[in-house]
């Protein structure tokens, strides 16, 4: 369950849902734990890909509607 907790913490961190003390503690953990730092970077990339995919889907749908 540790990995699920880390994923949840990373999500809260990236979504800016942490209070300041929790955010500072999390950032300190990323300095100490290189694996956690890598996981944060990977999750950031995943979120970027998901956002890009959503934009493409919306753009394609808009183009389809425009053609009709």
PDB file of N, CA and C in Angstrom:
ATOM      1  N   UNK A   1       0.815  -1.206   0.000  1.00  0.00           N
ATOM      2  CA  UNK A   1       0.000   0.000   0.000  1.00  0.00           C
ATOM      3  C   UNK A   1       0.856   1.267   0.000  1.00  0.00           C
ATOM      4  N   UNK A   2       2.148   1.117   0.249  1.00  0.00           N
ATOM      5  CA  UNK A   2       3.025   2.284   0.264  1.00  0.00           C
ATOM      6  C   UNK A   2       2.986   3.012  -1.077  1.00  0.00           C
ATOM      7  N   UNK A   3       2.987   2.245  -2.164  1.00  0.00           N
ATOM      8  CA  UNK A   3       3.001   2.873  -3.481  1.00  0.00           C
ATOM      9  C   UNK A   3       1.718   3.660  -3.732  1.00  0.00           C
ATOM     10  N   UNK A   4       0.593   3.153  -3.251  1.00  0.00           N
ATOM     11  CA  UNK A   4      -0.669   3.879  -3.414  1.00  0.00           C
ATOM     12  C   UNK A   4      -0.652   5.186  -2.634  1.00  0.00           C
ATOM     13  N   UNK A   5      -0.070   5.154  -1.452  1.00  0.00           N
ATOM     14  CA  UNK A   5       0.055   6.376  -0.658  1.00  0.00           C
ATOM     15  C   UNK A   5       0.967   7.387  -1.349  1.00  0.00           C
ATOM     16  N   UNK A   6       2.050   6.882  -1.950  1.00  0.00           N
ATOM     17  CA  UNK A   6       2.956   7.781  -2.673  1.00  0.00           C
ATOM     18  C   UNK A   6       2.265   8.398  -3.882  1.00  0.00           C
ATOM     19  N   UNK A   7       1.509   7.591  -4.606  1.00  0.00           N
ATOM     20  CA  UNK A   7       0.780   8.110  -5.766  1.00  0.00           C
ATOM     21  C   UNK A   7      -0.204   9.186  -5.316  1.00  0.00           C
ATOM     22  N   UNK A   8      -0.911   8.931  -4.230  1.00  0.00           N
ATOM     23  CA  UNK A   8      -1.860   9.911  -3.690  1.00  0.00           C
ATOM     24  C   UNK A   8      -1.136  11.194  -3.295  1.00  0.00           C
ATOM     25  N   UNK A   9       0.002  11.051  -2.618  1.00  0.00           N
ATOM     26  CA  UNK A   9       0.773  12.229  -2.195  1.00  0.00           C
ATOM     27  C   UNK A   9       1.293  13.009  -3.403  1.00  0.00           C
ATOM     28  N   UNK A  10       1.784  12.299  -4.403  1.00  0.00           N
ATOM     29  CA  UNK A  10       2.274  12.966  -5.610  1.00  0.00           C
ATOM     30  C   UNK A  10       1.129  13.714  -6.279  1.00  0.00           C
ATOM     31  N   UNK A  11      -0.029  13.070  -6.357  1.00  0.00           N
ATOM     32  CA  UNK A  11      -1.191  13.706  -6.969  1.00  0.00           C
ATOM     33  C   UNK A  11      -1.580  14.979  -6.217  1.00  0.00           C
ATOM     34  N   UNK A  12      -1.612  14.901  -4.905  1.00  0.00           N
ATOM     35  CA  UNK A  12      -1.936  16.090  -4.105  1.00  0.00           C
ATOM     36  C   UNK A  12      -0.898  17.184  -4.317  1.00  0.00           C
ATOM     37  N   UNK A  13       0.359  16.797  -4.380  1.00  0.00           N
ATOM     38  CA  UNK A  13       1.444  17.767  -4.579  1.00  0.00           C
ATOM     39  C   UNK A  13       1.308  18.451  -5.935  1.00  0.00           C
ATOM     40  N   UNK A  14       1.121  17.658  -6.985  1.00  0.00           N
ATOM     41  CA  UNK A  14       1.035  18.217  -8.326  1.00  0.00           C
ATOM     42  C   UNK A  14      -0.249  19.027  -8.531  1.00  0.00           C
ATOM     43  N   UNK A  15      -1.287  18.680  -7.793  1.00  0.00           N
ATOM     44  CA  UNK A  15      -2.562  19.399  -7.901  1.00  0.00           C
ATOM     45  C   UNK A  15      -2.612  20.602  -6.972  1.00  0.00           C
ATOM     46  N   UNK A  16      -1.529  20.839  -6.266  1.00  0.00           N
ATOM     47  CA  UNK A  16      -1.431  21.952  -5.313  1.00  0.00           C
ATOM     48  C   UNK A  16      -2.533  21.872  -4.250  1.00  0.00           C
ATOM     49  N   UNK A  17      -2.776  20.663  -3.764  1.00  0.00           N
ATOM     50  CA  UNK A  17      -3.793  20.443  -2.742  1.00  0.00           C
ATOM     51  C   UNK A  17      -3.188  20.220  -1.356  1.00  0.00           C
ATOM     52  N   UNK A  18      -1.882  20.421  -1.228  1.00  0.00           N
ATOM     53  CA  UNK A  18      -1.216  20.246   0.072  1.00  0.00           C
ATOM     54  C   UNK A  18      -1.097  21.579   0.776  1.00  0.00           C
ATOM     55  N   UNK A  19      -1.206  21.533   2.095  1.00  0.00           N
ATOM     56  CA  UNK A  19      -0.921  22.748   2.843  1.00  0.00           C
ATOM     57  C   UNK A  19       0.595  22.970   2.829  1.00  0.00           C
ATOM     58  N   UNK A  20       1.016  24.149   3.200  1.00  0.00           N
ATOM     59  CA  UNK A  20       2.434  24.520   3.077  1.00  0.00           C
ATOM     60  C   UNK A  20       3.363  23.571   3.831  1.00  0.00           C
ATOM     61  N   UNK A  21       3.078  23.227   5.099  1.00  0.00           N
ATOM     62  CA  UNK A  21       4.003  22.310   5.792  1.00  0.00           C
ATOM     63  C   UNK A  21       4.108  20.944   5.111  1.00  0.00           C
ATOM     64  N   UNK A  22       2.980  20.421   4.642  1.00  0.00           N
ATOM     65  CA  UNK A  22       2.997  19.122   3.955  1.00  0.00           C
ATOM     66  C   UNK A  22       3.768  19.213   2.651  1.00  0.00           C
ATOM     67  N   UNK A  23       3.599  20.323   1.953  1.00  0.00           N
ATOM     68  CA  UNK A  23       4.300  20.523   0.684  1.00  0.00           C
ATOM     69  C   UNK A  23       5.810  20.591   0.915  1.00  0.00           C
ATOM     70  N   UNK A  24       6.223  21.320   1.927  1.00  0.00           N
ATOM     71  CA  UNK A  24       7.653  21.422   2.230  1.00  0.00           C
ATOM     72  C   UNK A  24       8.231  20.067   2.631  1.00  0.00           C
ATOM     73  N   UNK A  25       7.486  19.316   3.423  1.00  0.00           N
ATOM     74  CA  UNK A  25       7.928  17.985   3.830  1.00  0.00           C
ATOM     75  C   UNK A  25       8.041  17.066   2.612  1.00  0.00           C
ATOM     76  N   UNK A  26       7.066  17.144   1.725  1.00  0.00           N
ATOM     77  CA  UNK A  26       7.097  16.318   0.518  1.00  0.00           C
ATOM     78  C   UNK A  26       8.301  16.686  -0.348  1.00  0.00           C
ATOM     79  N   UNK A  27       8.544  17.965  -0.512  1.00  0.00           N
ATOM     80  CA  UNK A  27       9.692  18.402  -1.313  1.00  0.00           C
ATOM     81  C   UNK A  27      11.001  17.939  -0.683  1.00  0.00           C
ATOM     82  N   UNK A  28      11.077  17.949   0.644  1.00  0.00           N
ATOM     83  CA  UNK A  28      12.267  17.440   1.329  1.00  0.00           C
ATOM     84  C   UNK A  28      12.425  15.948   1.064  1.00  0.00           C
ATOM     85  N   UNK A  29      11.315  15.224   1.053  1.00  0.00           N
ATOM     86  CA  UNK A  29      11.365  13.783   0.770  1.00  0.00           C
ATOM     87  C   UNK A  29      11.890  13.522  -0.642  1.00  0.00           C
ATOM     88  N   UNK A  30      11.524  14.393  -1.596  1.00  0.00           N
ATOM     89  CA  UNK A  30      12.015  14.188  -2.969  1.00  0.00           C
ATOM     90  C   UNK A  30      13.520  14.438  -3.062  1.00  0.00           C
ATOM     91  N   UNK A  31      14.033  15.290  -2.189  1.00  0.00           N
ATOM     92  CA  UNK A  31      15.480  15.528  -2.173  1.00  0.00           C
ATOM     93  C   UNK A  31      16.232  14.340  -1.588  1.00  0.00           C
ATOM     94  N   UNK A  32      15.615  13.682  -0.629  1.00  0.00           N
ATOM     95  CA  UNK A  32      16.249  12.556   0.050  1.00  0.00           C
ATOM     96  C   UNK A  32      16.089  11.259  -0.736  1.00  0.00           C
ATOM     97  N   UNK A  33      14.943  11.108  -1.394  1.00  0.00           N
ATOM     98  CA  UNK A  33      14.596   9.863  -2.084  1.00  0.00           C
ATOM     99  C   UNK A  33      14.569  10.081  -3.595  1.00  0.00           C
ATOM    100  N   UNK A  34      15.656   9.710  -4.292  1.00  0.00           N
ATOM    101  CA  UNK A  34      15.699   9.934  -5.743  1.00  0.00           C
ATOM    102  C   UNK A  34      14.602   9.174  -6.498  1.00  0.00           C
ATOM    103  N   UNK A  35      14.176   8.041  -5.974  1.00  0.00           N
ATOM    104  CA  UNK A  35      13.098   7.282  -6.615  1.00  0.00           C
ATOM    105  C   UNK A  35      11.800   8.069  -6.584  1.00  0.00           C
ATOM    106  N   UNK A  36      11.518   8.698  -5.469  1.00  0.00           N
ATOM    107  CA  UNK A  36      10.313   9.515  -5.351  1.00  0.00           C
ATOM    108  C   UNK A  36      10.382  10.690  -6.328  1.00  0.00           C
ATOM    109  N   UNK A  37      11.549  11.289  -6.446  1.00  0.00           N
ATOM    110  CA  UNK A  37      11.716  12.404  -7.377  1.00  0.00           C
ATOM    111  C   UNK A  37      11.437  11.954  -8.812  1.00  0.00           C
ATOM    112  N   UNK A  38      11.907  10.772  -9.169  1.00  0.00           N
ATOM    113  CA  UNK A  38      11.655  10.224 -10.500  1.00  0.00           C
ATOM    114  C   UNK A  38      10.162   9.968 -10.693  1.00  0.00           C
ATOM    115  N   UNK A  39       9.518   9.421  -9.663  1.00  0.00           N
ATOM    116  CA  UNK A  39       8.084   9.147  -9.749  1.00  0.00           C
ATOM    117  C   UNK A  39       7.281  10.436  -9.937  1.00  0.00           C
ATOM    118  N   UNK A  40       7.681  11.500  -9.269  1.00  0.00           N
ATOM    119  CA  UNK A  40       7.003  12.793  -9.438  1.00  0.00           C
ATOM    120  C   UNK A  40       7.159  13.256 -10.884  1.00  0.00           C
ATOM    121  N   UNK A  41       8.348  13.150 -11.432  1.00  0.00           N
ATOM    122  CA  UNK A  41       8.584  13.545 -12.820  1.00  0.00           C
ATOM    123  C   UNK A  41       7.763  12.723 -13.796  1.00  0.00           C
ATOM    124  N   UNK A  42       7.679  11.418 -13.550  1.00  0.00           N
ATOM    125  CA  UNK A  42       6.895  10.555 -14.430  1.00  0.00           C
ATOM    126  C   UNK A  42       5.413  10.891 -14.355  1.00  0.00           C
ATOM    127  N   UNK A  43       4.918  11.127 -13.143  1.00  0.00           N
ATOM    128  CA  UNK A  43       3.504  11.455 -12.998  1.00  0.00           C
ATOM    129  C   UNK A  43       3.189  12.799 -13.652  1.00  0.00           C
ATOM    130  N   UNK A  44       4.118  13.747 -13.577  1.00  0.00           N
ATOM    131  CA  UNK A  44       3.943  15.027 -14.278  1.00  0.00           C
ATOM    132  C   UNK A  44       3.793  14.792 -15.775  1.00  0.00           C
ATOM    133  N   UNK A  45       4.662  13.934 -16.318  1.00  0.00           N
ATOM    134  CA  UNK A  45       4.607  13.636 -17.752  1.00  0.00           C
ATOM    135  C   UNK A  45       3.293  12.952 -18.122  1.00  0.00           C
ATOM    136  N   UNK A  46       2.851  12.030 -17.284  1.00  0.00           N
ATOM    137  CA  UNK A  46       1.581  11.339 -17.539  1.00  0.00           C
ATOM    138  C   UNK A  46       0.445  12.347 -17.585  1.00  0.00           C
ATOM    139  N   UNK A  47       0.407  13.272 -16.636  1.00  0.00           N
ATOM    140  CA  UNK A  47      -0.644  14.294 -16.611  1.00  0.00           C
ATOM    141  C   UNK A  47      -0.589  15.155 -17.869  1.00  0.00           C
ATOM    142  N   UNK A  48       0.618  15.486 -18.311  1.00  0.00           N
ATOM    143  CA  UNK A  48       0.761  16.298 -19.519  1.00  0.00           C
ATOM    144  C   UNK A  48       0.231  15.538 -20.736  1.00  0.00           C
ATOM    145  N   UNK A  49       0.520  14.249 -20.809  1.00  0.00           N
ATOM    146  CA  UNK A  49       0.045  13.433 -21.928  1.00  0.00           C
ATOM    147  C   UNK A  49      -1.477  13.334 -21.904  1.00  0.00           C
ATOM    148  N   UNK A  50      -2.040  13.152 -20.723  1.00  0.00           N
ATOM    149  CA  UNK A  50      -3.501  13.063 -20.595  1.00  0.00           C
ATOM    150  C   UNK A  50      -4.159  14.369 -21.021  1.00  0.00           C
ATOM    151  N   UNK A  51      -3.591  15.504 -20.581  1.00  0.00           N
ATOM    152  CA  UNK A  51      -4.139  16.812 -20.977  1.00  0.00           C
ATOM    153  C   UNK A  51      -4.056  16.995 -22.489  1.00  0.00           C
ATOM    154  N   UNK A  52      -2.915  16.644 -23.067  1.00  0.00           N
ATOM    155  CA  UNK A  52      -2.733  16.766 -24.513  1.00  0.00           C
ATOM    156  C   UNK A  52      -3.716  15.880 -25.256  1.00  0.00           C
ATOM    157  N   UNK A  53      -3.897  14.675 -24.775  1.00  0.00           N
ATOM    158  CA  UNK A  53      -4.842  13.752 -25.395  1.00  0.00           C
ATOM    159  C   UNK A  53      -6.259  14.316 -25.338  1.00  0.00           C
ATOM    160  N   UNK A  54      -6.621  14.887 -24.206  1.00  0.00           N
ATOM    161  CA  UNK A  54      -7.946  15.499 -24.064  1.00  0.00           C
ATOM    162  C   UNK A  54      -8.135  16.663 -25.012  1.00  0.00           C
ATOM    163  N   UNK A  55      -7.108  17.474 -25.165  1.00  0.00           N
ATOM    164  CA  UNK A  55      -7.179  18.611 -26.088  1.00  0.00           C
ATOM    165  C   UNK A  55      -7.358  18.130 -27.526  1.00  0.00           C
ATOM    166  N   UNK A  56      -6.608  17.100 -27.879  1.00  0.00           N
ATOM    167  CA  UNK A  56      -6.727  16.562 -29.239  1.00  0.00           C
ATOM    168  C   UNK A  56      -8.138  16.023 -29.477  1.00  0.00           C
ATOM    169  N   UNK A  57      -8.657  15.331 -28.485  1.00  0.00           N
ATOM    170  CA  UNK A  57     -10.002  14.779 -28.613  1.00  0.00           C
ATOM    171  C   UNK A  57     -11.020  15.906 -28.810  1.00  0.00           C
ATOM    172  N   UNK A  58     -10.906  16.954 -28.025  1.00  0.00           N
ATOM    173  CA  UNK A  58     -11.824  18.097 -28.143  1.00  0.00           C
ATOM    174  C   UNK A  58     -11.664  18.771 -29.503  1.00  0.00           C
ATOM    175  N   UNK A  59     -10.412  18.955 -29.938  1.00  0.00           N
ATOM    176  CA  UNK A  59     -10.159  19.588 -31.230  1.00  0.00           C
ATOM    177  C   UNK A  59     -10.736  18.741 -32.366  1.00  0.00           C
ATOM    178  N   UNK A  60     -10.530  17.433 -32.305  1.00  0.00           N
ATOM    179  CA  UNK A  60     -11.067  16.550 -33.336  1.00  0.00           C
ATOM    180  C   UNK A  60     -12.589  16.590 -33.347  1.00  0.00           C
ATOM    181  N   UNK A  61     -13.185  16.603 -32.183  1.00  0.00           N
ATOM    182  CA  UNK A  61     -14.646  16.677 -32.092  1.00  0.00           C
ATOM    183  C   UNK A  61     -15.149  18.007 -32.655  1.00  0.00           C
ATOM    184  N   UNK A  62     -14.471  19.096 -32.356  1.00  0.00           N
ATOM    185  CA  UNK A  62     -14.864  20.410 -32.878  1.00  0.00           C
ATOM    186  C   UNK A  62     -14.744  20.436 -34.399  1.00  0.00           C
ATOM    187  N   UNK A  63     -13.670  19.862 -34.926  1.00  0.00           N
ATOM    188  CA  UNK A  63     -13.504  19.808 -36.377  1.00  0.00           C
ATOM    189  C   UNK A  63     -14.609  18.972 -37.023  1.00  0.00           C
ATOM    190  N   UNK A  64     -14.958  17.862 -36.387  1.00  0.00           N
ATOM    191  CA  UNK A  64     -16.033  16.996 -36.908  1.00  0.00           C
ATOM    192  C   UNK A  64     -17.356  17.766 -36.949  1.00  0.00           C
ATOM    193  N   UNK A  65     -17.646  18.478 -35.881  1.00  0.00           N
ATOM    194  CA  UNK A  65     -18.875  19.266 -35.808  1.00  0.00           C
ATOM    195  C   UNK A  65     -18.859  20.368 -36.854  1.00  0.00           C
ATOM    196  N   UNK A  66     -17.711  21.007 -37.030  1.00  0.00           N
ATOM    197  CA  UNK A  66     -17.583  22.084 -38.008  1.00  0.00           C
ATOM    198  C   UNK A  66     -17.844  21.573 -39.430  1.00  0.00           C
ATOM    199  N   UNK A  67     -17.338  20.382 -39.735  1.00  0.00           N
ATOM    200  CA  UNK A  67     -17.525  19.789 -41.063  1.00  0.00           C
ATOM    201  C   UNK A  67     -18.994  19.463 -41.331  1.00  0.00           C
ATOM    202  N   UNK A  68     -19.715  19.147 -40.278  1.00  0.00           N
ATOM    203  CA  UNK A  68     -21.145  18.806 -40.453  1.00  0.00           C
ATOM    204  C   UNK A  68     -21.906  20.071 -40.719  1.00  0.00           C
TER     205      UNK A  68
END
